[in-house]
Amino acid sequence: MSTAREVKVNVRMLSPRAIAIVKTLVWLAALIPFARLAMGVAHEALGPNPIETLQRTTGWYALVLLCVALGVTPARRLLGWPWLARLRRLLGLFAFFYAVLHFVTWVWFDHFFDVAELTADVIKRPFITVGFLAFVLLIPLAATSTHRATKWLGAKRWQALHRSVYAIAPLAVLHYWWHKAGKNDLAYPALFAVIVAVLLALRVWWRWQSTTTKSPRVTT
């Protein structure tokens, strides 16, 4: 019984060294899809349509990591593991990394950097429009992910800026949904929609609880 209690305490309060090990493991795990894609490109083993494989895989992992980053705060609160907050920035940056790769494959292989074609694609196709918007909104979050940027912006402005992730995640899911709707394949988009809805609903619930449990102001 005491051993189980000690393990629980240790997991809840990891040492700086243990957190560094966890971060390293997250780094390695997040780089696995990139390494597999790089090996596939090097050995021409991405299937009959390698460009589609690149686009699909990079977009998939960008959305997965975005959801995982969004899930850090609920997991931290539900599990009581404060150190999980130390992983949020890392996960968010990896989500941006795969989003950049996803964006580059579209710009390069689909349109060969033709600005006129890119603009027309963004305007004419709704799923491209929302995907492009989600990517553009991710850029300032990645650019202000450093401690220096936090100090420069100030905590309140930094938090206000980074709350835009609550719009980015639904836009990314909508981008994926509309893309798959043309193929009548909505199982995974529906799953992501539920995940994002639950993660955002938890935040709304906790925010409502915090406002309703505040002590009323005493007036004299």
C-alpha atoms as a PDB file:
ATOM      1  CA  MET A   1       0.000   0.000   0.000  1.00  0.00           C
ATOM      2  CA  SER A   2       2.766   2.435   0.932  1.00  0.00           C
ATOM      3  CA  THR A   3       4.690   1.492  -2.218  1.00  0.00           C
ATOM      4  CA  ALA A   4       1.713   2.334  -4.436  1.00  0.00           C
ATOM      5  CA  ARG A   5       1.353   5.635  -2.580  1.00  0.00           C
ATOM      6  CA  GLU A   6       5.033   6.465  -3.155  1.00  0.00           C
ATOM      7  CA  VAL A   7       4.768   5.672  -6.871  1.00  0.00           C
ATOM      8  CA  LYS A   8       1.751   7.945  -7.134  1.00  0.00           C
ATOM      9  CA  VAL A   9       3.630  10.794  -5.455  1.00  0.00           C
ATOM     10  CA  ASN A  10       6.687  10.249  -7.628  1.00  0.00           C
ATOM     11  CA  VAL A  11       4.637  10.309 -10.829  1.00  0.00           C
ATOM     12  CA  ARG A  12       2.841  13.438  -9.674  1.00  0.00           C
ATOM     13  CA  MET A  13       6.021  15.331  -8.824  1.00  0.00           C
ATOM     14  CA  LEU A  14       8.775  14.360 -11.260  1.00  0.00           C
ATOM     15  CA  SER A  15      12.285  15.603 -10.729  1.00  0.00           C
ATOM     16  CA  PRO A  16      13.852  17.955 -13.320  1.00  0.00           C
ATOM     17  CA  ARG A  17      15.973  15.053 -14.563  1.00  0.00           C
ATOM     18  CA  ALA A  18      12.907  12.832 -15.014  1.00  0.00           C
ATOM     19  CA  ILE A  19      11.106  15.624 -16.873  1.00  0.00           C
ATOM     20  CA  ALA A  20      14.125  16.010 -19.161  1.00  0.00           C
ATOM     21  CA  ILE A  21      13.972  12.269 -19.912  1.00  0.00           C
ATOM     22  CA  VAL A  22      10.239  12.490 -20.656  1.00  0.00           C
ATOM     23  CA  LYS A  23      10.858  15.446 -22.986  1.00  0.00           C
ATOM     24  CA  THR A  24      13.549  13.494 -24.807  1.00  0.00           C
ATOM     25  CA  LEU A  25      11.167  10.566 -25.255  1.00  0.00           C
ATOM     26  CA  VAL A  26       8.497  12.931 -26.594  1.00  0.00           C
ATOM     27  CA  TRP A  27      11.050  14.377 -29.037  1.00  0.00           C
ATOM     28  CA  LEU A  28      11.964  10.924 -30.294  1.00  0.00           C
ATOM     29  CA  ALA A  29       8.349   9.766 -30.562  1.00  0.00           C
ATOM     30  CA  ALA A  30       7.298  12.926 -32.416  1.00  0.00           C
ATOM     31  CA  LEU A  31      10.168  12.539 -34.897  1.00  0.00           C
ATOM     32  CA  ILE A  32       9.319   8.928 -35.781  1.00  0.00           C
ATOM     33  CA  PRO A  33       6.741   9.850 -38.481  1.00  0.00           C
ATOM     34  CA  PHE A  34       9.217  12.287 -40.053  1.00  0.00           C
ATOM     35  CA  ALA A  35      11.969   9.678 -40.028  1.00  0.00           C
ATOM     36  CA  ARG A  36       9.664   7.139 -41.661  1.00  0.00           C
ATOM     37  CA  LEU A  37       8.683   9.630 -44.361  1.00  0.00           C
ATOM     38  CA  ALA A  38      12.330  10.537 -44.967  1.00  0.00           C
ATOM     39  CA  MET A  39      13.230   6.859 -45.301  1.00  0.00           C
ATOM     40  CA  GLY A  40      10.285   6.362 -47.623  1.00  0.00           C
ATOM     41  CA  VAL A  41      11.427   9.229 -49.842  1.00  0.00           C
ATOM     42  CA  ALA A  42      15.024   7.993 -49.852  1.00  0.00           C
ATOM     43  CA  HIS A  43      14.005   4.457 -50.824  1.00  0.00           C
ATOM     44  CA  GLU A  44      11.066   5.460 -53.051  1.00  0.00           C
ATOM     45  CA  ALA A  45       8.752   3.484 -50.805  1.00  0.00           C
ATOM     46  CA  LEU A  46       5.809   5.852 -50.346  1.00  0.00           C
ATOM     47  CA  GLY A  47       3.466   3.922 -52.573  1.00  0.00           C
ATOM     48  CA  PRO A  48       2.069   4.658 -56.041  1.00  0.00           C
ATOM     49  CA  ASN A  49       1.259   8.285 -55.118  1.00  0.00           C
ATOM     50  CA  PRO A  50       4.115   9.549 -52.917  1.00  0.00           C
ATOM     51  CA  ILE A  51       2.940  13.179 -52.971  1.00  0.00           C
ATOM     52  CA  GLU A  52      -0.480  12.213 -51.631  1.00  0.00           C
ATOM     53  CA  THR A  53       1.199  10.061 -48.982  1.00  0.00           C
ATOM     54  CA  LEU A  54       3.343  13.005 -47.884  1.00  0.00           C
ATOM     55  CA  GLN A  55       0.380  15.359 -47.730  1.00  0.00           C
ATOM     56  CA  ARG A  56      -1.904  12.907 -45.953  1.00  0.00           C
ATOM     57  CA  THR A  57       0.697  11.787 -43.401  1.00  0.00           C
ATOM     58  CA  THR A  58       2.019  15.247 -42.503  1.00  0.00           C
ATOM     59  CA  GLY A  59      -1.519  16.628 -42.168  1.00  0.00           C
ATOM     60  CA  TRP A  60      -2.566  13.671 -40.028  1.00  0.00           C
ATOM     61  CA  TYR A  61       0.287  14.076 -37.562  1.00  0.00           C
ATOM     62  CA  ALA A  62      -0.139  17.844 -37.418  1.00  0.00           C
ATOM     63  CA  LEU A  63      -3.744  17.292 -36.319  1.00  0.00           C
ATOM     64  CA  VAL A  64      -2.862  14.460 -33.923  1.00  0.00           C
ATOM     65  CA  LEU A  65      -0.154  16.501 -32.188  1.00  0.00           C
ATOM     66  CA  LEU A  66      -2.386  19.562 -32.071  1.00  0.00           C
ATOM     67  CA  CYS A  67      -5.016  17.508 -30.251  1.00  0.00           C
ATOM     68  CA  VAL A  68      -2.403  16.039 -27.908  1.00  0.00           C
ATOM     69  CA  ALA A  69      -1.093  19.531 -27.106  1.00  0.00           C
ATOM     70  CA  LEU A  70      -4.665  20.694 -26.506  1.00  0.00           C
ATOM     71  CA  GLY A  71      -5.164  17.724 -24.208  1.00  0.00           C
ATOM     72  CA  VAL A  72      -2.230  18.558 -21.934  1.00  0.00           C
ATOM     73  CA  THR A  73      -4.165  20.925 -19.678  1.00  0.00           C
ATOM     74  CA  PRO A  74      -7.156  18.576 -19.161  1.00  0.00           C
ATOM     75  CA  ALA A  75      -4.783  15.671 -18.515  1.00  0.00           C
ATOM     76  CA  ARG A  76      -2.795  17.765 -16.046  1.00  0.00           C
ATOM     77  CA  ARG A  77      -5.925  18.731 -14.143  1.00  0.00           C
ATOM     78  CA  LEU A  78      -7.564  15.310 -14.183  1.00  0.00           C
ATOM     79  CA  LEU A  79      -4.418  13.353 -13.286  1.00  0.00           C
ATOM     80  CA  GLY A  80      -2.929  15.922 -10.951  1.00  0.00           C
ATOM     81  CA  TRP A  81       0.420  15.870 -12.753  1.00  0.00           C
ATOM     82  CA  PRO A  82       1.612  19.510 -12.949  1.00  0.00           C
ATOM     83  CA  TRP A  83       4.747  18.598 -14.898  1.00  0.00           C
ATOM     84  CA  LEU A  84       2.646  17.774 -17.963  1.00  0.00           C
ATOM     85  CA  ALA A  85       2.415  21.510 -18.617  1.00  0.00           C
ATOM     86  CA  ARG A  86       6.141  21.376 -19.465  1.00  0.00           C
ATOM     87  CA  LEU A  87       5.325  19.287 -22.543  1.00  0.00           C
ATOM     88  CA  ARG A  88       2.679  21.564 -24.060  1.00  0.00           C
ATOM     89  CA  ARG A  89       5.035  23.907 -25.903  1.00  0.00           C
ATOM     90  CA  LEU A  90       7.085  21.014 -27.286  1.00  0.00           C
ATOM     91  CA  LEU A  91       3.983  19.236 -28.575  1.00  0.00           C
ATOM     92  CA  GLY A  92       2.625  22.451 -30.050  1.00  0.00           C
ATOM     93  CA  LEU A  93       5.868  23.122 -31.906  1.00  0.00           C
ATOM     94  CA  PHE A  94       5.884  19.611 -33.331  1.00  0.00           C
ATOM     95  CA  ALA A  95       2.282  20.122 -34.462  1.00  0.00           C
ATOM     96  CA  PHE A  96       3.474  23.276 -36.231  1.00  0.00           C
ATOM     97  CA  PHE A  97       6.449  21.399 -37.704  1.00  0.00           C
ATOM     98  CA  TYR A  98       4.174  18.843 -39.374  1.00  0.00           C
ATOM     99  CA  ALA A  99       1.763  21.599 -40.410  1.00  0.00           C
ATOM    100  CA  VAL A 100       4.677  23.352 -42.154  1.00  0.00           C
ATOM    101  CA  LEU A 101       5.582  20.126 -43.974  1.00  0.00           C
ATOM    102  CA  HIS A 102       1.917  19.693 -44.936  1.00  0.00           C
ATOM    103  CA  PHE A 103       1.789  23.273 -46.206  1.00  0.00           C
ATOM    104  CA  VAL A 104       5.054  22.959 -48.133  1.00  0.00           C
ATOM    105  CA  THR A 105       3.923  19.813 -49.954  1.00  0.00           C
ATOM    106  CA  TRP A 106       0.796  21.680 -51.074  1.00  0.00           C
ATOM    107  CA  VAL A 107       2.708  24.808 -52.153  1.00  0.00           C
ATOM    108  CA  TRP A 108       5.523  22.909 -53.837  1.00  0.00           C
ATOM    109  CA  PHE A 109       4.148  19.707 -55.323  1.00  0.00           C
ATOM    110  CA  ASP A 110       0.571  20.797 -56.013  1.00  0.00           C
ATOM    111  CA  HIS A 111       1.263  24.296 -57.360  1.00  0.00           C
ATOM    112  CA  PHE A 112       5.052  24.612 -57.776  1.00  0.00           C
ATOM    113  CA  PHE A 113       5.049  27.953 -55.911  1.00  0.00           C
ATOM    114  CA  ASP A 114       2.652  29.564 -58.404  1.00  0.00           C
ATOM    115  CA  VAL A 115       1.148  32.379 -56.322  1.00  0.00           C
ATOM    116  CA  ALA A 116      -1.809  32.902 -58.669  1.00  0.00           C
ATOM    117  CA  GLU A 117      -2.746  29.218 -58.519  1.00  0.00           C
ATOM    118  CA  LEU A 118      -2.278  29.119 -54.753  1.00  0.00           C
ATOM    119  CA  THR A 119      -4.519  32.153 -54.278  1.00  0.00           C
ATOM    120  CA  ALA A 120      -7.200  30.726 -56.541  1.00  0.00           C
ATOM    121  CA  ASP A 121      -7.077  27.416 -54.660  1.00  0.00           C
ATOM    122  CA  VAL A 122      -7.519  29.166 -51.307  1.00  0.00           C
ATOM    123  CA  ILE A 123     -10.459  31.205 -52.597  1.00  0.00           C
ATOM    124  CA  LYS A 124     -12.295  28.499 -54.562  1.00  0.00           C
ATOM    125  CA  ARG A 125     -11.989  25.443 -52.321  1.00  0.00           C
ATOM    126  CA  PRO A 126     -13.462  25.797 -48.815  1.00  0.00           C
ATOM    127  CA  PHE A 127     -11.419  22.990 -47.265  1.00  0.00           C
ATOM    128  CA  ILE A 128      -8.242  24.702 -48.488  1.00  0.00           C
ATOM    129  CA  THR A 129      -9.521  28.033 -47.165  1.00  0.00           C
ATOM    130  CA  VAL A 130     -10.019  26.797 -43.588  1.00  0.00           C
ATOM    131  CA  GLY A 131      -6.805  24.775 -43.663  1.00  0.00           C
ATOM    132  CA  PHE A 132      -4.856  27.809 -44.838  1.00  0.00           C
ATOM    133  CA  LEU A 133      -6.471  29.954 -42.144  1.00  0.00           C
ATOM    134  CA  ALA A 134      -5.606  27.397 -39.451  1.00  0.00           C
ATOM    135  CA  PHE A 135      -1.985  27.354 -40.625  1.00  0.00           C
ATOM    136  CA  VAL A 136      -1.706  31.148 -40.697  1.00  0.00           C
ATOM    137  CA  LEU A 137      -3.092  31.340 -37.151  1.00  0.00           C
ATOM    138  CA  LEU A 138      -0.524  28.783 -35.995  1.00  0.00           C
ATOM    139  CA  ILE A 139       2.407  30.923 -37.142  1.00  0.00           C
ATOM    140  CA  PRO A 140       2.233  33.581 -34.388  1.00  0.00           C
ATOM    141  CA  LEU A 141       1.803  30.859 -31.763  1.00  0.00           C
ATOM    142  CA  ALA A 142       4.988  29.146 -32.910  1.00  0.00           C
ATOM    143  CA  ALA A 143       6.789  32.485 -33.234  1.00  0.00           C
ATOM    144  CA  THR A 144       5.922  33.443 -29.635  1.00  0.00           C
ATOM    145  CA  SER A 145       6.661  30.085 -28.034  1.00  0.00           C
ATOM    146  CA  THR A 146       9.880  31.231 -26.362  1.00  0.00           C
ATOM    147  CA  HIS A 147      10.249  32.575 -22.827  1.00  0.00           C
ATOM    148  CA  ARG A 148      11.598  35.823 -24.266  1.00  0.00           C
ATOM    149  CA  ALA A 149       8.429  36.298 -26.321  1.00  0.00           C
ATOM    150  CA  THR A 150       6.309  35.666 -23.235  1.00  0.00           C
ATOM    151  CA  LYS A 151       8.161  38.387 -21.332  1.00  0.00           C
ATOM    152  CA  TRP A 152       7.989  40.765 -24.295  1.00  0.00           C
ATOM    153  CA  LEU A 153       4.242  40.339 -24.774  1.00  0.00           C
ATOM    154  CA  GLY A 154       3.386  40.095 -21.108  1.00  0.00           C
ATOM    155  CA  ALA A 155       1.569  37.155 -19.577  1.00  0.00           C
ATOM    156  CA  LYS A 156      -1.970  38.402 -20.294  1.00  0.00           C
ATOM    157  CA  ARG A 157      -1.380  39.281 -23.942  1.00  0.00           C
ATOM    158  CA  TRP A 158       0.572  36.066 -24.472  1.00  0.00           C
ATOM    159  CA  GLN A 159      -2.268  33.991 -23.017  1.00  0.00           C
ATOM    160  CA  ALA A 160      -4.844  35.881 -25.087  1.00  0.00           C
ATOM    161  CA  LEU A 161      -2.850  35.212 -28.252  1.00  0.00           C
ATOM    162  CA  HIS A 162      -2.376  31.534 -27.499  1.00  0.00           C
ATOM    163  CA  ARG A 163      -6.069  31.049 -26.818  1.00  0.00           C
ATOM    164  CA  SER A 164      -6.480  31.239 -30.595  1.00  0.00           C
ATOM    165  CA  VAL A 165      -5.634  27.520 -30.531  1.00  0.00           C
ATOM    166  CA  TYR A 166      -9.277  27.052 -29.480  1.00  0.00           C
ATOM    167  CA  ALA A 167     -10.210  28.290 -32.964  1.00  0.00           C
ATOM    168  CA  ILE A 168      -7.308  26.630 -34.782  1.00  0.00           C
ATOM    169  CA  ALA A 169      -8.193  23.100 -33.665  1.00  0.00           C
ATOM    170  CA  PRO A 170     -11.825  23.241 -34.931  1.00  0.00           C
ATOM    171  CA  LEU A 171     -10.619  24.809 -38.193  1.00  0.00           C
ATOM    172  CA  ALA A 172      -8.094  21.999 -38.646  1.00  0.00           C
ATOM    173  CA  VAL A 173     -10.792  19.397 -37.993  1.00  0.00           C
ATOM    174  CA  LEU A 174     -13.121  21.144 -40.464  1.00  0.00           C
ATOM    175  CA  HIS A 175     -10.333  21.146 -43.058  1.00  0.00           C
ATOM    176  CA  TYR A 176      -9.909  17.405 -42.581  1.00  0.00           C
ATOM    177  CA  TRP A 177     -13.682  16.821 -42.543  1.00  0.00           C
ATOM    178  CA  TRP A 178     -14.336  18.625 -45.826  1.00  0.00           C
ATOM    179  CA  HIS A 179     -11.377  16.904 -47.461  1.00  0.00           C
ATOM    180  CA  LYS A 180     -12.682  13.469 -46.467  1.00  0.00           C
ATOM    181  CA  ALA A 181     -16.323  14.348 -47.212  1.00  0.00           C
ATOM    182  CA  GLY A 182     -15.578  14.179 -50.925  1.00  0.00           C
ATOM    183  CA  LYS A 183     -14.530  10.555 -50.453  1.00  0.00           C
ATOM    184  CA  ASN A 184     -17.425   9.798 -48.067  1.00  0.00           C
ATOM    185  CA  ASP A 185     -14.892   8.748 -45.436  1.00  0.00           C
ATOM    186  CA  LEU A 186     -15.804  10.591 -42.248  1.00  0.00           C
ATOM    187  CA  ALA A 187     -14.904   8.079 -39.528  1.00  0.00           C
ATOM    188  CA  TYR A 188     -11.616   9.697 -38.526  1.00  0.00           C
ATOM    189  CA  PRO A 189     -12.801  13.298 -38.989  1.00  0.00           C
ATOM    190  CA  ALA A 190     -15.753  12.490 -36.715  1.00  0.00           C
ATOM    191  CA  LEU A 191     -13.375  11.025 -34.131  1.00  0.00           C
ATOM    192  CA  PHE A 192     -11.201  14.152 -34.184  1.00  0.00           C
ATOM    193  CA  ALA A 193     -14.317  16.333 -33.980  1.00  0.00           C
ATOM    194  CA  VAL A 194     -15.433  14.500 -30.833  1.00  0.00           C
ATOM    195  CA  ILE A 195     -11.961  14.736 -29.270  1.00  0.00           C
ATOM    196  CA  VAL A 196     -11.693  18.476 -29.901  1.00  0.00           C
ATOM    197  CA  ALA A 197     -15.277  19.057 -28.749  1.00  0.00           C
ATOM    198  CA  VAL A 198     -14.615  17.215 -25.473  1.00  0.00           C
ATOM    199  CA  LEU A 199     -11.335  19.058 -24.849  1.00  0.00           C
ATOM    200  CA  LEU A 200     -12.960  22.434 -25.443  1.00  0.00           C
ATOM    201  CA  ALA A 201     -16.081  21.511 -23.450  1.00  0.00           C
ATOM    202  CA  LEU A 202     -13.905  20.639 -20.444  1.00  0.00           C
ATOM    203  CA  ARG A 203     -12.350  24.081 -20.572  1.00  0.00           C
ATOM    204  CA  VAL A 204     -15.744  25.751 -20.798  1.00  0.00           C
ATOM    205  CA  TRP A 205     -16.989  23.676 -17.853  1.00  0.00           C
ATOM    206  CA  TRP A 206     -13.982  24.504 -15.676  1.00  0.00           C
ATOM    207  CA  ARG A 207     -14.244  28.187 -16.604  1.00  0.00           C
ATOM    208  CA  TRP A 208     -17.935  28.177 -15.657  1.00  0.00           C
ATOM    209  CA  GLN A 209     -17.158  26.392 -12.400  1.00  0.00           C
ATOM    210  CA  SER A 210     -14.467  28.915 -11.498  1.00  0.00           C
ATOM    211  CA  THR A 211     -16.842  31.823 -12.041  1.00  0.00           C
ATOM    212  CA  THR A 212     -19.733  30.259 -10.106  1.00  0.00           C
ATOM    213  CA  THR A 213     -17.635  29.147  -7.138  1.00  0.00           C
ATOM    214  CA  LYS A 214     -16.088  32.549  -6.526  1.00  0.00           C
ATOM    215  CA  SER A 215     -17.193  34.114  -3.294  1.00  0.00           C
ATOM    216  CA  PRO A 216     -19.677  36.957  -3.818  1.00  0.00           C
ATOM    217  CA  ARG A 217     -18.320  40.385  -3.108  1.00  0.00           C
ATOM    218  CA  VAL A 218     -19.345  41.692   0.309  1.00  0.00           C
ATOM    219  CA  THR A 219     -20.764  45.200   0.194  1.00  0.00           C
ATOM    220  CA  THR A 220     -21.258  47.513   3.140  1.00  0.00           C
END
